[in-house]
Amino acid sequence: MYKRRHNPALFKPLRRALPVPVWADVSIRLALVLGLISIVVLVHWTDREGLQDAHDGVVSFLDVVYFTMISITTTGFGDIAPVSDRSRLVEAVIVTPIRLAVIFIFVGTAYNFIIKHSWETWRMKRIQERLENHIVVLGYGVSGSEAVEELIARGTDPSCIVVIDPSSARLVLAENMGCNVMEGDATRDETLEAVRIGKARSILVSAGRDDTTILIILTARHMASGVPITAVVRANDNELLARQAGANNVINPVRFTGLLLAGSAEGRHISEYLSDLASVTGRVQLVERDVRAEELGRPLEQIATGKGLRIYRGERAIGFWEPAAQSLEPGDVIVEITHNDDLAG
């Protein structure tokens, strides 16, 4: 089989947000250095009578600035020197600590922008090489960003989430959430291969356009045959295409909104309860889990963790009212309603 060659130009490497942006870090350090230098200039100007200029014997403001700079940088040409006891005390007690502070700032800057940056680049490369059991979010628009926020609210570690999007502006928002991000085209094999999509726990696709979403699903399914894929499509006609492309779950936000509206027509509490079920911030949650060993042989209504609603036995969906729900079997997947421990009290 022909395998496409890796082309690094198709995407930018995986990255994660720094605690302080680079421009802010530089600005803070520069402002601090200028502030310290200004203090030394003021001290030298105030005590200029204790300085001696070997050139013309007059210490002007320009001479003070010049002397400050060569003092701070420890150059020391000797053409201007402190001659009084007071000036020497000032140099020892005030100027020398400031000089050391400026040196430490420069050394810290070199560490942050050379050593630390190189370390962070190497570290992220190692993380990228070892990605496993992570959640890949392909598209960080409205639906993608809401999904990431909900995942984090449900307890998912942001470092286990990888977001791919062609927009650097949207990726900044994902970085601020603590996620790993990569700028690139999710329809390309090289991009998905770079985030080890075959080792992922789950894939969430929300590209904003149905045609792009379906193409991403095809690419992802080709590279990750066993990983569950959930996709968002907006046209009813494209739901079947998304499933045929390989999506395990297809969500139509337009249809879901219609369900909420229709539910509201039947009673004012129905849509509120559906929204409650869908969000981790609600009083109850829908949970999907595997059957436990101690539950085998029991009816669905006797599970201890919540209210059993449905069993998935292979490709078959079994409702709680059906005879097959009277005995749980190995391999069953249970969908139940549980209360939210954080809010139930």
C-alpha atoms as a PDB file:
ATOM      1  CA  MET A   1       0.000   0.000   0.000  1.00  0.00           C
ATOM      2  CA  TYR A   2       1.281   3.452  -0.901  1.00  0.00           C
ATOM      3  CA  LYS A   3       2.056   5.540   2.165  1.00  0.00           C
ATOM      4  CA  ARG A   4       2.184   9.318   1.928  1.00  0.00           C
ATOM      5  CA  ARG A   5       5.451  10.875   3.048  1.00  0.00           C
ATOM      6  CA  HIS A   6       5.453  12.981   6.211  1.00  0.00           C
ATOM      7  CA  ASN A   7       5.391  16.699   5.447  1.00  0.00           C
ATOM      8  CA  PRO A   8       6.027  18.893   8.544  1.00  0.00           C
ATOM      9  CA  ALA A   9       4.766  21.988   6.727  1.00  0.00           C
ATOM     10  CA  LEU A  10       1.192  20.680   6.929  1.00  0.00           C
ATOM     11  CA  PHE A  11       0.920  21.352  10.664  1.00  0.00           C
ATOM     12  CA  LYS A  12       2.703  23.067  13.524  1.00  0.00           C
ATOM     13  CA  PRO A  13       4.056  20.964  16.432  1.00  0.00           C
ATOM     14  CA  LEU A  14       2.006  20.141  19.490  1.00  0.00           C
ATOM     15  CA  ARG A  15       2.112  22.853  22.121  1.00  0.00           C
ATOM     16  CA  ARG A  16       0.608  23.817  25.445  1.00  0.00           C
ATOM     17  CA  ALA A  17       0.038  27.258  26.919  1.00  0.00           C
ATOM     18  CA  LEU A  18       2.780  28.830  29.027  1.00  0.00           C
ATOM     19  CA  PRO A  19       1.796  30.295  32.443  1.00  0.00           C
ATOM     20  CA  VAL A  20       2.853  33.779  31.205  1.00  0.00           C
ATOM     21  CA  PRO A  21       2.850  34.729  27.484  1.00  0.00           C
ATOM     22  CA  VAL A  22       6.286  35.399  25.988  1.00  0.00           C
ATOM     23  CA  TRP A  23       5.516  39.047  25.170  1.00  0.00           C
ATOM     24  CA  ALA A  24       4.286  39.665  28.716  1.00  0.00           C
ATOM     25  CA  ASP A  25       7.354  38.011  30.234  1.00  0.00           C
ATOM     26  CA  VAL A  26       9.682  40.129  28.084  1.00  0.00           C
ATOM     27  CA  SER A  27       7.773  43.318  28.894  1.00  0.00           C
ATOM     28  CA  ILE A  28       7.886  42.650  32.650  1.00  0.00           C
ATOM     29  CA  ARG A  29      11.618  41.933  32.615  1.00  0.00           C
ATOM     30  CA  LEU A  30      12.407  44.951  30.446  1.00  0.00           C
ATOM     31  CA  ALA A  31      10.311  47.243  32.630  1.00  0.00           C
ATOM     32  CA  LEU A  32      12.038  45.921  35.750  1.00  0.00           C
ATOM     33  CA  VAL A  33      15.521  46.459  34.302  1.00  0.00           C
ATOM     34  CA  LEU A  34      14.681  50.004  33.157  1.00  0.00           C
ATOM     35  CA  GLY A  35      13.220  50.748  36.578  1.00  0.00           C
ATOM     36  CA  LEU A  36      16.365  49.559  38.370  1.00  0.00           C
ATOM     37  CA  ILE A  37      18.610  51.523  36.000  1.00  0.00           C
ATOM     38  CA  SER A  38      16.506  54.637  36.580  1.00  0.00           C
ATOM     39  CA  ILE A  39      16.985  54.259  40.337  1.00  0.00           C
ATOM     40  CA  VAL A  40      20.763  54.043  39.911  1.00  0.00           C
ATOM     41  CA  VAL A  41      20.787  57.111  37.617  1.00  0.00           C
ATOM     42  CA  LEU A  42      18.817  59.035  40.241  1.00  0.00           C
ATOM     43  CA  VAL A  43      21.182  57.936  43.024  1.00  0.00           C
ATOM     44  CA  HIS A  44      24.283  58.883  41.017  1.00  0.00           C
ATOM     45  CA  TRP A  45      22.795  62.242  39.984  1.00  0.00           C
ATOM     46  CA  THR A  46      21.913  63.046  43.599  1.00  0.00           C
ATOM     47  CA  ASP A  47      25.447  62.105  44.719  1.00  0.00           C
ATOM     48  CA  ARG A  48      27.297  63.510  41.690  1.00  0.00           C
ATOM     49  CA  GLU A  49      29.513  65.645  43.939  1.00  0.00           C
ATOM     50  CA  GLY A  50      31.221  62.449  45.066  1.00  0.00           C
ATOM     51  CA  LEU A  51      32.086  61.439  41.500  1.00  0.00           C
ATOM     52  CA  GLN A  52      35.186  62.568  39.624  1.00  0.00           C
ATOM     53  CA  ASP A  53      35.465  62.818  35.837  1.00  0.00           C
ATOM     54  CA  ALA A  54      39.069  62.343  34.706  1.00  0.00           C
ATOM     55  CA  HIS A  55      38.217  63.851  31.310  1.00  0.00           C
ATOM     56  CA  ASP A  56      37.064  67.399  32.099  1.00  0.00           C
ATOM     57  CA  GLY A  57      36.423  67.396  35.838  1.00  0.00           C
ATOM     58  CA  VAL A  58      32.698  68.137  35.375  1.00  0.00           C
ATOM     59  CA  VAL A  59      30.064  65.465  35.989  1.00  0.00           C
ATOM     60  CA  SER A  60      27.057  66.222  33.755  1.00  0.00           C
ATOM     61  CA  PHE A  61      23.786  64.311  33.521  1.00  0.00           C
ATOM     62  CA  LEU A  62      25.124  62.521  30.427  1.00  0.00           C
ATOM     63  CA  ASP A  63      28.179  61.522  32.460  1.00  0.00           C
ATOM     64  CA  VAL A  64      25.892  60.163  35.177  1.00  0.00           C
ATOM     65  CA  VAL A  65      23.957  58.052  32.631  1.00  0.00           C
ATOM     66  CA  TYR A  66      27.228  56.857  31.117  1.00  0.00           C
ATOM     67  CA  PHE A  67      28.700  55.994  34.542  1.00  0.00           C
ATOM     68  CA  THR A  68      25.499  54.176  35.505  1.00  0.00           C
ATOM     69  CA  MET A  69      25.587  51.996  32.413  1.00  0.00           C
ATOM     70  CA  ILE A  70      29.236  50.998  32.776  1.00  0.00           C
ATOM     71  CA  SER A  71      28.641  50.349  36.482  1.00  0.00           C
ATOM     72  CA  ILE A  72      25.580  48.187  35.890  1.00  0.00           C
ATOM     73  CA  THR A  73      27.388  46.185  33.222  1.00  0.00           C
ATOM     74  CA  THR A  74      30.555  45.949  35.390  1.00  0.00           C
ATOM     75  CA  THR A  75      32.637  47.323  32.523  1.00  0.00           C
ATOM     76  CA  GLY A  76      34.461  49.959  34.608  1.00  0.00           C
ATOM     77  CA  PHE A  77      36.679  52.051  32.301  1.00  0.00           C
ATOM     78  CA  GLY A  78      37.868  54.149  35.231  1.00  0.00           C
ATOM     79  CA  ASP A  79      37.375  57.550  33.587  1.00  0.00           C
ATOM     80  CA  ILE A  80      34.610  58.333  36.109  1.00  0.00           C
ATOM     81  CA  ALA A  81      34.995  57.028  39.653  1.00  0.00           C
ATOM     82  CA  PRO A  82      33.544  57.574  43.130  1.00  0.00           C
ATOM     83  CA  VAL A  83      36.052  59.468  45.247  1.00  0.00           C
ATOM     84  CA  SER A  84      34.167  60.412  48.426  1.00  0.00           C
ATOM     85  CA  ASP A  85      33.416  58.003  51.258  1.00  0.00           C
ATOM     86  CA  ARG A  86      29.701  58.631  50.788  1.00  0.00           C
ATOM     87  CA  SER A  87      29.852  57.789  47.081  1.00  0.00           C
ATOM     88  CA  ARG A  88      31.763  54.603  47.738  1.00  0.00           C
ATOM     89  CA  LEU A  89      29.230  53.604  50.412  1.00  0.00           C
ATOM     90  CA  VAL A  90      26.421  54.265  47.941  1.00  0.00           C
ATOM     91  CA  GLU A  91      28.150  52.062  45.354  1.00  0.00           C
ATOM     92  CA  ALA A  92      28.603  49.268  47.882  1.00  0.00           C
ATOM     93  CA  VAL A  93      25.220  49.360  49.601  1.00  0.00           C
ATOM     94  CA  ILE A  94      22.814  50.511  46.858  1.00  0.00           C
ATOM     95  CA  VAL A  95      24.332  50.171  43.401  1.00  0.00           C
ATOM     96  CA  THR A  96      25.998  46.767  43.839  1.00  0.00           C
ATOM     97  CA  PRO A  97      22.784  44.940  44.896  1.00  0.00           C
ATOM     98  CA  ILE A  98      20.954  46.566  41.977  1.00  0.00           C
ATOM     99  CA  ARG A  99      23.782  45.508  39.645  1.00  0.00           C
ATOM    100  CA  LEU A 100      23.456  41.909  40.864  1.00  0.00           C
ATOM    101  CA  ALA A 101      19.667  42.078  40.421  1.00  0.00           C
ATOM    102  CA  VAL A 102      20.045  43.240  36.803  1.00  0.00           C
ATOM    103  CA  ILE A 103      22.541  40.445  36.118  1.00  0.00           C
ATOM    104  CA  PHE A 104      20.132  37.876  37.587  1.00  0.00           C
ATOM    105  CA  ILE A 105      17.322  39.238  35.411  1.00  0.00           C
ATOM    106  CA  PHE A 106      19.460  38.869  32.273  1.00  0.00           C
ATOM    107  CA  VAL A 107      20.527  35.358  33.302  1.00  0.00           C
ATOM    108  CA  GLY A 108      16.885  34.450  34.032  1.00  0.00           C
ATOM    109  CA  THR A 109      15.849  35.804  30.649  1.00  0.00           C
ATOM    110  CA  ALA A 110      18.504  33.725  28.920  1.00  0.00           C
ATOM    111  CA  TYR A 111      17.276  30.681  30.844  1.00  0.00           C
ATOM    112  CA  ASN A 112      13.621  31.258  29.965  1.00  0.00           C
ATOM    113  CA  PHE A 113      14.112  31.976  26.270  1.00  0.00           C
ATOM    114  CA  ILE A 114      16.920  29.583  25.463  1.00  0.00           C
ATOM    115  CA  ILE A 115      17.296  26.751  27.965  1.00  0.00           C
ATOM    116  CA  LYS A 116      13.685  26.563  29.173  1.00  0.00           C
ATOM    117  CA  HIS A 117      12.260  27.003  25.665  1.00  0.00           C
ATOM    118  CA  SER A 118      14.482  24.216  24.359  1.00  0.00           C
ATOM    119  CA  TRP A 119      13.458  22.010  27.285  1.00  0.00           C
ATOM    120  CA  GLU A 120       9.754  22.737  26.735  1.00  0.00           C
ATOM    121  CA  THR A 121      10.077  21.959  23.018  1.00  0.00           C
ATOM    122  CA  TRP A 122      11.805  18.657  23.815  1.00  0.00           C
ATOM    123  CA  ARG A 123       9.237  17.846  26.531  1.00  0.00           C
ATOM    124  CA  MET A 124       6.252  18.477  24.231  1.00  0.00           C
ATOM    125  CA  LYS A 125       7.885  16.340  21.558  1.00  0.00           C
ATOM    126  CA  ARG A 126       8.188  13.512  24.071  1.00  0.00           C
ATOM    127  CA  ILE A 127       4.539  13.984  25.120  1.00  0.00           C
ATOM    128  CA  GLN A 128       3.532  13.886  21.471  1.00  0.00           C
ATOM    129  CA  GLU A 129       5.454  10.664  20.922  1.00  0.00           C
ATOM    130  CA  ARG A 130       3.843   9.020  23.960  1.00  0.00           C
ATOM    131  CA  LEU A 131       0.247  10.170  23.532  1.00  0.00           C
ATOM    132  CA  GLU A 132      -2.110   7.370  24.518  1.00  0.00           C
ATOM    133  CA  ASN A 133      -5.684   7.065  25.833  1.00  0.00           C
ATOM    134  CA  HIS A 134      -6.270  10.745  25.039  1.00  0.00           C
ATOM    135  CA  ILE A 135      -9.277  12.551  23.571  1.00  0.00           C
ATOM    136  CA  VAL A 136      -8.769  14.180  20.173  1.00  0.00           C
ATOM    137  CA  VAL A 137     -11.027  17.130  19.352  1.00  0.00           C
ATOM    138  CA  LEU A 138     -11.011  17.952  15.638  1.00  0.00           C
ATOM    139  CA  GLY A 139     -12.398  21.458  15.278  1.00  0.00           C
ATOM    140  CA  TYR A 140     -12.634  24.078  18.029  1.00  0.00           C
ATOM    141  CA  GLY A 141     -15.643  26.097  16.990  1.00  0.00           C
ATOM    142  CA  VAL A 142     -18.790  26.563  19.070  1.00  0.00           C
ATOM    143  CA  SER A 143     -19.549  22.844  19.482  1.00  0.00           C
ATOM    144  CA  GLY A 144     -15.922  21.802  19.924  1.00  0.00           C
ATOM    145  CA  SER A 145     -15.199  24.407  22.584  1.00  0.00           C
ATOM    146  CA  GLU A 146     -18.392  23.563  24.483  1.00  0.00           C
ATOM    147  CA  ALA A 147     -17.432  19.877  24.381  1.00  0.00           C
ATOM    148  CA  VAL A 148     -13.982  20.593  25.808  1.00  0.00           C
ATOM    149  CA  GLU A 149     -15.422  22.744  28.600  1.00  0.00           C
ATOM    150  CA  GLU A 150     -17.912  20.004  29.472  1.00  0.00           C
ATOM    151  CA  LEU A 151     -15.190  17.323  29.447  1.00  0.00           C
ATOM    152  CA  ILE A 152     -13.064  19.354  31.840  1.00  0.00           C
ATOM    153  CA  ALA A 153     -16.102  20.023  34.047  1.00  0.00           C
ATOM    154  CA  ARG A 154     -16.695  16.254  34.175  1.00  0.00           C
ATOM    155  CA  GLY A 155     -13.173  15.723  35.519  1.00  0.00           C
ATOM    156  CA  THR A 156     -11.116  15.084  32.378  1.00  0.00           C
ATOM    157  CA  ASP A 157      -7.535  16.313  32.751  1.00  0.00           C
ATOM    158  CA  PRO A 158      -6.968  19.034  30.088  1.00  0.00           C
ATOM    159  CA  SER A 159      -3.518  17.564  29.422  1.00  0.00           C
ATOM    160  CA  CYS A 160      -5.318  14.445  28.113  1.00  0.00           C
ATOM    161  CA  ILE A 161      -7.154  16.496  25.471  1.00  0.00           C
ATOM    162  CA  VAL A 162      -5.603  17.308  22.087  1.00  0.00           C
ATOM    163  CA  VAL A 163      -7.284  19.974  19.956  1.00  0.00           C
ATOM    164  CA  ILE A 164      -6.592  20.338  16.231  1.00  0.00           C
ATOM    165  CA  ASP A 165      -7.878  23.373  14.338  1.00  0.00           C
ATOM    166  CA  PRO A 166      -6.605  25.456  11.381  1.00  0.00           C
ATOM    167  CA  SER A 167      -7.275  28.713  13.265  1.00  0.00           C
ATOM    168  CA  SER A 168      -4.496  29.910  15.561  1.00  0.00           C
ATOM    169  CA  ALA A 169      -6.912  32.342  17.244  1.00  0.00           C
ATOM    170  CA  ARG A 170      -9.244  29.521  18.310  1.00  0.00           C
ATOM    171  CA  LEU A 171      -6.313  27.402  19.446  1.00  0.00           C
ATOM    172  CA  VAL A 172      -5.234  30.154  21.838  1.00  0.00           C
ATOM    173  CA  LEU A 173      -8.573  29.682  23.625  1.00  0.00           C
ATOM    174  CA  ALA A 174      -7.979  25.924  23.851  1.00  0.00           C
ATOM    175  CA  GLU A 175      -4.452  26.536  25.151  1.00  0.00           C
ATOM    176  CA  ASN A 176      -5.861  28.755  27.870  1.00  0.00           C
ATOM    177  CA  MET A 177      -8.020  25.825  28.956  1.00  0.00           C
ATOM    178  CA  GLY A 178      -4.835  23.791  29.447  1.00  0.00           C
ATOM    179  CA  CYS A 179      -5.248  21.544  26.404  1.00  0.00           C
ATOM    180  CA  ASN A 180      -2.539  20.384  24.016  1.00  0.00           C
ATOM    181  CA  VAL A 181      -3.129  22.055  20.662  1.00  0.00           C
ATOM    182  CA  MET A 182      -1.910  21.698  17.096  1.00  0.00           C
ATOM    183  CA  GLU A 183      -2.554  24.010  14.184  1.00  0.00           C
ATOM    184  CA  GLY A 184      -3.217  21.948  11.094  1.00  0.00           C
ATOM    185  CA  ASP A 185      -5.617  20.349   8.626  1.00  0.00           C
ATOM    186  CA  ALA A 186      -7.453  17.433  10.257  1.00  0.00           C
ATOM    187  CA  THR A 187      -8.332  15.955   6.848  1.00  0.00           C
ATOM    188  CA  ARG A 188      -4.666  15.050   6.267  1.00  0.00           C
ATOM    189  CA  ASP A 189      -3.156  11.752   7.392  1.00  0.00           C
ATOM    190  CA  GLU A 190       0.044  13.463   8.543  1.00  0.00           C
ATOM    191  CA  THR A 191      -1.791  15.699  10.992  1.00  0.00           C
ATOM    192  CA  LEU A 192      -3.732  12.886  12.632  1.00  0.00           C
ATOM    193  CA  GLU A 193      -0.700  10.636  12.680  1.00  0.00           C
ATOM    194  CA  ALA A 194       1.222  13.341  14.560  1.00  0.00           C
ATOM    195  CA  VAL A 195      -1.230  13.135  17.494  1.00  0.00           C
ATOM    196  CA  ARG A 196      -1.228   9.317  17.481  1.00  0.00           C
ATOM    197  CA  ILE A 197      -4.934   9.159  16.741  1.00  0.00           C
ATOM    198  CA  GLY A 198      -4.845   5.368  16.627  1.00  0.00           C
ATOM    199  CA  LYS A 199      -3.993   5.350  20.353  1.00  0.00           C
ATOM    200  CA  ALA A 200      -6.767   7.788  21.304  1.00  0.00           C
ATOM    201  CA  ARG A 201      -9.621   6.994  23.690  1.00  0.00           C
ATOM    202  CA  SER A 202     -12.179   8.951  21.691  1.00  0.00           C
ATOM    203  CA  ILE A 203     -12.427  11.285  18.698  1.00  0.00           C
ATOM    204  CA  LEU A 204     -14.801  14.267  18.595  1.00  0.00           C
ATOM    205  CA  VAL A 205     -15.354  15.911  15.200  1.00  0.00           C
ATOM    206  CA  SER A 206     -16.936  19.345  14.762  1.00  0.00           C
ATOM    207  CA  ALA A 207     -15.521  21.085  11.715  1.00  0.00           C
ATOM    208  CA  GLY A 208     -18.340  23.610  11.213  1.00  0.00           C
ATOM    209  CA  ARG A 209     -19.163  22.305   7.696  1.00  0.00           C
ATOM    210  CA  ASP A 210     -20.770  18.929   7.099  1.00  0.00           C
ATOM    211  CA  ASP A 211     -18.641  18.124   4.051  1.00  0.00           C
ATOM    212  CA  THR A 212     -15.427  18.831   5.966  1.00  0.00           C
ATOM    213  CA  THR A 213     -16.698  16.869   8.963  1.00  0.00           C
ATOM    214  CA  ILE A 214     -17.440  13.800   6.803  1.00  0.00           C
ATOM    215  CA  LEU A 215     -14.010  13.994   5.145  1.00  0.00           C
ATOM    216  CA  ILE A 216     -12.358  14.188   8.594  1.00  0.00           C
ATOM    217  CA  ILE A 217     -14.393  11.160   9.731  1.00  0.00           C
ATOM    218  CA  LEU A 218     -13.214   9.164   6.698  1.00  0.00           C
ATOM    219  CA  THR A 219      -9.584  10.094   7.394  1.00  0.00           C
ATOM    220  CA  ALA A 220      -9.846   9.390  11.125  1.00  0.00           C
ATOM    221  CA  ARG A 221     -11.601   6.053  10.620  1.00  0.00           C
ATOM    222  CA  HIS A 222      -8.953   5.019   8.096  1.00  0.00           C
ATOM    223  CA  MET A 223      -6.214   5.686  10.670  1.00  0.00           C
ATOM    224  CA  ALA A 224      -8.041   4.650  13.863  1.00  0.00           C
ATOM    225  CA  SER A 225     -10.295   1.724  13.028  1.00  0.00           C
ATOM    226  CA  GLY A 226     -11.147   0.870  16.637  1.00  0.00           C
ATOM    227  CA  VAL A 227     -11.503   4.319  18.197  1.00  0.00           C
ATOM    228  CA  PRO A 228     -15.049   5.652  18.811  1.00  0.00           C
ATOM    229  CA  ILE A 229     -15.865   8.710  16.696  1.00  0.00           C
ATOM    230  CA  THR A 230     -18.585  11.211  17.572  1.00  0.00           C
ATOM    231  CA  ALA A 231     -19.408  13.869  14.979  1.00  0.00           C
ATOM    232  CA  VAL A 232     -21.617  16.934  14.703  1.00  0.00           C
ATOM    233  CA  VAL A 233     -23.581  17.457  11.473  1.00  0.00           C
ATOM    234  CA  ARG A 234     -26.234  20.063  10.810  1.00  0.00           C
ATOM    235  CA  ALA A 235     -28.183  18.663   7.854  1.00  0.00           C
ATOM    236  CA  ASN A 236     -30.458  15.649   8.296  1.00  0.00           C
ATOM    237  CA  ASP A 237     -29.378  14.239   4.937  1.00  0.00           C
ATOM    238  CA  ASN A 238     -25.765  14.087   6.095  1.00  0.00           C
ATOM    239  CA  GLU A 239     -26.404  12.025   9.239  1.00  0.00           C
ATOM    240  CA  LEU A 240     -26.465   8.767   7.267  1.00  0.00           C
ATOM    241  CA  LEU A 241     -23.365   9.815   5.303  1.00  0.00           C
ATOM    242  CA  ALA A 242     -21.495  10.542   8.542  1.00  0.00           C
ATOM    243  CA  ARG A 243     -22.387   7.088   9.882  1.00  0.00           C
ATOM    244  CA  GLN A 244     -21.371   5.436   6.618  1.00  0.00           C
ATOM    245  CA  ALA A 245     -18.072   7.340   6.786  1.00  0.00           C
ATOM    246  CA  GLY A 246     -17.379   5.673  10.133  1.00  0.00           C
ATOM    247  CA  ALA A 247     -18.906   7.808  12.900  1.00  0.00           C
ATOM    248  CA  ASN A 248     -20.241   5.780  15.834  1.00  0.00           C
ATOM    249  CA  ASN A 249     -22.366   8.657  17.106  1.00  0.00           C
ATOM    250  CA  VAL A 250     -23.834  11.487  15.061  1.00  0.00           C
ATOM    251  CA  ILE A 251     -25.250  14.552  16.769  1.00  0.00           C
ATOM    252  CA  ASN A 252     -27.516  17.007  14.982  1.00  0.00           C
ATOM    253  CA  PRO A 253     -27.762  20.198  17.080  1.00  0.00           C
ATOM    254  CA  VAL A 254     -30.600  21.495  14.915  1.00  0.00           C
ATOM    255  CA  ARG A 255     -32.663  18.359  15.585  1.00  0.00           C
ATOM    256  CA  PHE A 256     -31.829  18.441  19.298  1.00  0.00           C
ATOM    257  CA  THR A 257     -32.996  22.053  19.485  1.00  0.00           C
ATOM    258  CA  GLY A 258     -36.209  20.988  17.781  1.00  0.00           C
ATOM    259  CA  LEU A 259     -36.692  18.255  20.379  1.00  0.00           C
ATOM    260  CA  LEU A 260     -36.312  20.791  23.168  1.00  0.00           C
ATOM    261  CA  LEU A 261     -38.814  23.129  21.515  1.00  0.00           C
ATOM    262  CA  ALA A 262     -41.311  20.334  20.965  1.00  0.00           C
ATOM    263  CA  GLY A 263     -40.849  19.172  24.550  1.00  0.00           C
ATOM    264  CA  SER A 264     -41.564  22.664  25.791  1.00  0.00           C
ATOM    265  CA  ALA A 265     -44.868  22.607  23.948  1.00  0.00           C
ATOM    266  CA  GLU A 266     -45.910  19.522  25.946  1.00  0.00           C
ATOM    267  CA  GLY A 267     -44.813  20.918  29.320  1.00  0.00           C
ATOM    268  CA  ARG A 268     -42.580  23.679  30.583  1.00  0.00           C
ATOM    269  CA  HIS A 269     -40.318  21.331  32.598  1.00  0.00           C
ATOM    270  CA  ILE A 270     -39.414  18.820  29.880  1.00  0.00           C
ATOM    271  CA  SER A 271     -36.793  20.906  28.078  1.00  0.00           C
ATOM    272  CA  GLU A 272     -35.279  21.945  31.414  1.00  0.00           C
ATOM    273  CA  TYR A 273     -34.926  18.293  32.433  1.00  0.00           C
ATOM    274  CA  LEU A 274     -33.349  17.337  29.088  1.00  0.00           C
ATOM    275  CA  SER A 275     -30.805  20.132  29.473  1.00  0.00           C
ATOM    276  CA  ASP A 276     -30.202  18.999  33.044  1.00  0.00           C
ATOM    277  CA  LEU A 277     -29.450  15.474  31.815  1.00  0.00           C
ATOM    278  CA  ALA A 278     -27.020  16.711  29.168  1.00  0.00           C
ATOM    279  CA  SER A 279     -24.853  18.865  31.432  1.00  0.00           C
ATOM    280  CA  VAL A 280     -22.528  17.967  34.305  1.00  0.00           C
ATOM    281  CA  THR A 281     -23.767  21.049  36.150  1.00  0.00           C
ATOM    282  CA  GLY A 282     -27.292  19.616  36.403  1.00  0.00           C
ATOM    283  CA  ARG A 283     -28.767  17.672  39.302  1.00  0.00           C
ATOM    284  CA  VAL A 284     -28.816  14.415  37.330  1.00  0.00           C
ATOM    285  CA  GLN A 285     -26.605  12.913  34.640  1.00  0.00           C
ATOM    286  CA  LEU A 286     -26.864  10.324  31.911  1.00  0.00           C
ATOM    287  CA  VAL A 287     -24.102   7.758  32.365  1.00  0.00           C
ATOM    288  CA  GLU A 288     -23.010   4.930  30.062  1.00  0.00           C
ATOM    289  CA  ARG A 289     -21.026   2.094  31.612  1.00  0.00           C
ATOM    290  CA  ASP A 290     -20.270  -1.627  31.325  1.00  0.00           C
ATOM    291  CA  VAL A 291     -22.238  -4.085  33.414  1.00  0.00           C
ATOM    292  CA  ARG A 292     -20.545  -5.109  36.666  1.00  0.00           C
ATOM    293  CA  ALA A 293     -19.864  -8.700  37.708  1.00  0.00           C
ATOM    294  CA  GLU A 294     -22.188  -8.500  40.721  1.00  0.00           C
ATOM    295  CA  GLU A 295     -25.046  -7.296  38.477  1.00  0.00           C
ATOM    296  CA  LEU A 296     -25.044 -10.255  36.118  1.00  0.00           C
ATOM    297  CA  GLY A 297     -28.391 -12.065  36.137  1.00  0.00           C
ATOM    298  CA  ARG A 298     -30.198  -9.202  37.819  1.00  0.00           C
ATOM    299  CA  PRO A 299     -32.902  -7.109  36.133  1.00  0.00           C
ATOM    300  CA  LEU A 300     -31.981  -3.647  34.900  1.00  0.00           C
ATOM    301  CA  GLU A 301     -34.224  -2.011  37.497  1.00  0.00           C
ATOM    302  CA  GLN A 302     -32.153  -3.461  40.355  1.00  0.00           C
ATOM    303  CA  ILE A 303     -28.803  -1.840  39.586  1.00  0.00           C
ATOM    304  CA  ALA A 304     -27.533   0.029  42.645  1.00  0.00           C
ATOM    305  CA  THR A 305     -25.835   3.017  41.042  1.00  0.00           C
ATOM    306  CA  GLY A 306     -28.783   4.744  39.414  1.00  0.00           C
ATOM    307  CA  LYS A 307     -31.979   4.356  37.411  1.00  0.00           C
ATOM    308  CA  GLY A 308     -31.424   1.965  34.510  1.00  0.00           C
ATOM    309  CA  LEU A 309     -32.946   3.142  31.235  1.00  0.00           C
ATOM    310  CA  ARG A 310     -31.518   1.016  28.463  1.00  0.00           C
ATOM    311  CA  ILE A 311     -29.202  -1.890  27.727  1.00  0.00           C
ATOM    312  CA  TYR A 312     -27.017  -2.143  24.628  1.00  0.00           C
ATOM    313  CA  ARG A 313     -26.406  -5.800  23.881  1.00  0.00           C
ATOM    314  CA  GLY A 314     -24.246  -5.870  20.793  1.00  0.00           C
ATOM    315  CA  GLU A 315     -26.113  -3.824  18.206  1.00  0.00           C
ATOM    316  CA  ARG A 316     -29.450  -4.237  19.977  1.00  0.00           C
ATOM    317  CA  ALA A 317     -30.970  -1.525  22.183  1.00  0.00           C
ATOM    318  CA  ILE A 318     -33.158  -2.942  24.985  1.00  0.00           C
ATOM    319  CA  GLY A 319     -35.537  -0.702  26.929  1.00  0.00           C
ATOM    320  CA  PHE A 320     -36.150  -1.141  30.652  1.00  0.00           C
ATOM    321  CA  TRP A 321     -39.698  -2.390  29.943  1.00  0.00           C
ATOM    322  CA  GLU A 322     -38.640  -5.215  27.625  1.00  0.00           C
ATOM    323  CA  PRO A 323     -38.384  -8.845  28.870  1.00  0.00           C
ATOM    324  CA  ALA A 324     -34.683  -8.996  27.856  1.00  0.00           C
ATOM    325  CA  ALA A 325     -33.966  -6.301  30.453  1.00  0.00           C
ATOM    326  CA  GLN A 326     -34.893  -8.713  33.267  1.00  0.00           C
ATOM    327  CA  SER A 327     -31.477 -10.390  33.197  1.00  0.00           C
ATOM    328  CA  LEU A 328     -28.188  -8.564  32.635  1.00  0.00           C
ATOM    329  CA  GLU A 329     -25.585 -10.481  30.625  1.00  0.00           C
ATOM    330  CA  PRO A 330     -21.781 -10.227  30.223  1.00  0.00           C
ATOM    331  CA  GLY A 331     -20.841  -7.542  27.698  1.00  0.00           C
ATOM    332  CA  ASP A 332     -23.973  -5.460  28.291  1.00  0.00           C
ATOM    333  CA  VAL A 333     -23.592  -1.678  28.243  1.00  0.00           C
ATOM    334  CA  ILE A 334     -25.964   0.128  30.603  1.00  0.00           C
ATOM    335  CA  VAL A 335     -27.327   3.645  30.159  1.00  0.00           C
ATOM    336  CA  GLU A 336     -28.574   4.995  33.471  1.00  0.00           C
ATOM    337  CA  ILE A 337     -29.575   8.205  35.211  1.00  0.00           C
ATOM    338  CA  THR A 338     -27.540   9.044  38.318  1.00  0.00           C
ATOM    339  CA  HIS A 339     -27.689  12.010  40.662  1.00  0.00           C
ATOM    340  CA  ASN A 340     -24.913  14.565  40.718  1.00  0.00           C
ATOM    341  CA  ASP A 341     -23.080  14.111  44.021  1.00  0.00           C
ATOM    342  CA  ASP A 342     -21.883  17.705  43.972  1.00  0.00           C
ATOM    343  CA  LEU A 343     -25.398  19.126  43.796  1.00  0.00           C
ATOM    344  CA  ALA A 344     -27.621  16.432  45.226  1.00  0.00           C
ATOM    345  CA  GLY A 345     -27.054  17.509  48.849  1.00  0.00           C
END
